[in-house]
Amino acid sequence: MATAANSVDINRPVEAVCRFLADGLNNPKWRSAVAEINLVSGTGSSVGAVYKQAVKGPFGRKVDGDYRLVEATPIRGSNSKL
């Protein structure tokens, strides 16, 4: 299974960051490899939501990177860290 990691400081409330990241339609705004993405079933940002996405692959080819949200645990409080 492919994985990726990155770190960035965001000057926003934790809850707002979690909401932004949970909405797959925001992926192109922070993941440069995402070429296109659509919500194909379920409610965006909610468990069960299914996103169809294509990411930039080798030699300019698009690679399917579809996914389903299977768990969502909100992080709350000013002392919470992502």
Protein backbone atom coordinates (compact mmCIF):
# COMPACT_ATOMS: atom_id res chain seq x y z
CA MET A 1 0.00 0.00 0.00
CA ALA A 2 1.29 3.44 -0.91
CA THR A 3 1.87 5.97 1.86
CA ALA A 4 2.96 9.57 2.10
CA ALA A 5 3.88 11.98 4.89
CA ASN A 6 4.45 15.71 5.23
CA SER A 7 4.48 18.39 7.93
CA VAL A 8 3.20 21.97 7.86
CA ASP A 9 2.20 24.58 10.45
CA ILE A 10 -1.34 25.94 10.02
CA ASN A 11 -2.55 28.97 11.97
CA ARG A 12 -6.21 27.86 12.18
CA PRO A 13 -8.40 26.17 14.79
CA VAL A 14 -7.89 22.40 14.89
CA GLU A 15 -11.57 21.76 14.12
CA ALA A 16 -11.40 23.88 10.94
CA VAL A 17 -8.30 22.03 9.74
CA CYS A 18 -9.97 18.65 10.35
CA ARG A 19 -13.08 19.72 8.42
CA PHE A 20 -10.95 20.95 5.52
CA LEU A 21 -8.90 17.75 5.32
CA ALA A 22 -11.93 15.47 5.65
CA ASP A 23 -13.48 16.99 2.52
CA GLY A 24 -11.73 15.15 -0.29
CA LEU A 25 -12.76 17.84 -2.76
CA ASN A 26 -10.12 20.03 -1.09
CA ASN A 27 -7.32 17.59 -1.94
CA PRO A 28 -6.07 19.51 -5.02
CA LYS A 29 -5.61 22.59 -2.80
CA TRP A 30 -2.97 20.88 -0.67
CA ARG A 31 -1.87 17.77 -2.60
CA SER A 32 -0.17 18.81 -5.84
CA ALA A 33 -0.29 15.25 -7.21
CA VAL A 34 -4.11 15.19 -7.34
CA ALA A 35 -5.16 15.77 -10.94
CA GLU A 36 -8.92 15.40 -10.39
CA ILE A 37 -11.35 14.27 -7.70
CA ASN A 38 -15.10 13.79 -7.40
CA LEU A 39 -17.44 12.69 -4.64
CA VAL A 40 -19.20 9.64 -6.14
CA SER A 41 -21.34 8.48 -3.22
CA GLY A 42 -22.23 9.34 0.34
CA THR A 43 -22.00 12.72 2.01
CA GLY A 44 -18.73 14.60 1.69
CA SER A 45 -16.52 14.64 4.78
CA SER A 46 -18.60 11.85 6.38
CA VAL A 47 -17.89 8.19 7.05
CA GLY A 48 -18.92 6.22 3.98
CA ALA A 49 -18.11 9.00 1.51
CA VAL A 50 -16.45 7.61 -1.62
CA TYR A 51 -14.12 9.77 -3.69
CA LYS A 52 -12.88 8.95 -7.18
CA GLN A 53 -9.55 10.61 -7.78
CA ALA A 54 -6.75 10.51 -10.30
CA VAL A 55 -3.22 11.38 -9.26
CA LYS A 56 -0.28 12.32 -11.44
CA GLY A 57 1.79 9.24 -12.10
CA PRO A 58 4.98 8.43 -14.00
CA PHE A 59 5.38 9.85 -17.50
CA GLY A 60 2.35 12.12 -17.06
CA ARG A 61 -0.08 9.22 -16.77
CA LYS A 62 -3.01 9.47 -14.40
CA VAL A 63 -3.25 6.77 -11.74
CA ASP A 64 -6.50 5.92 -9.95
CA GLY A 65 -6.40 6.72 -6.24
CA ASP A 66 -10.03 6.21 -5.25
CA TYR A 67 -10.87 5.96 -1.55
CA ARG A 68 -13.67 5.69 1.01
CA LEU A 69 -13.76 7.38 4.42
CA VAL A 70 -14.03 4.51 6.89
CA GLU A 71 -13.47 6.35 10.16
CA ALA A 72 -13.61 9.94 11.36
CA THR A 73 -12.60 10.96 14.86
CA PRO A 74 -12.85 14.71 15.45
CA ILE A 75 -10.01 16.38 17.31
CA ARG A 76 -11.33 19.00 19.71
CA GLY A 77 -9.86 21.61 21.98
CA SER A 78 -7.21 24.28 21.78
CA ASN A 79 -4.53 21.93 23.16
CA SER A 80 -5.16 19.27 20.51
CA LYS A 81 -2.49 18.58 17.94
CA LEU A 82 -2.88 16.98 14.55
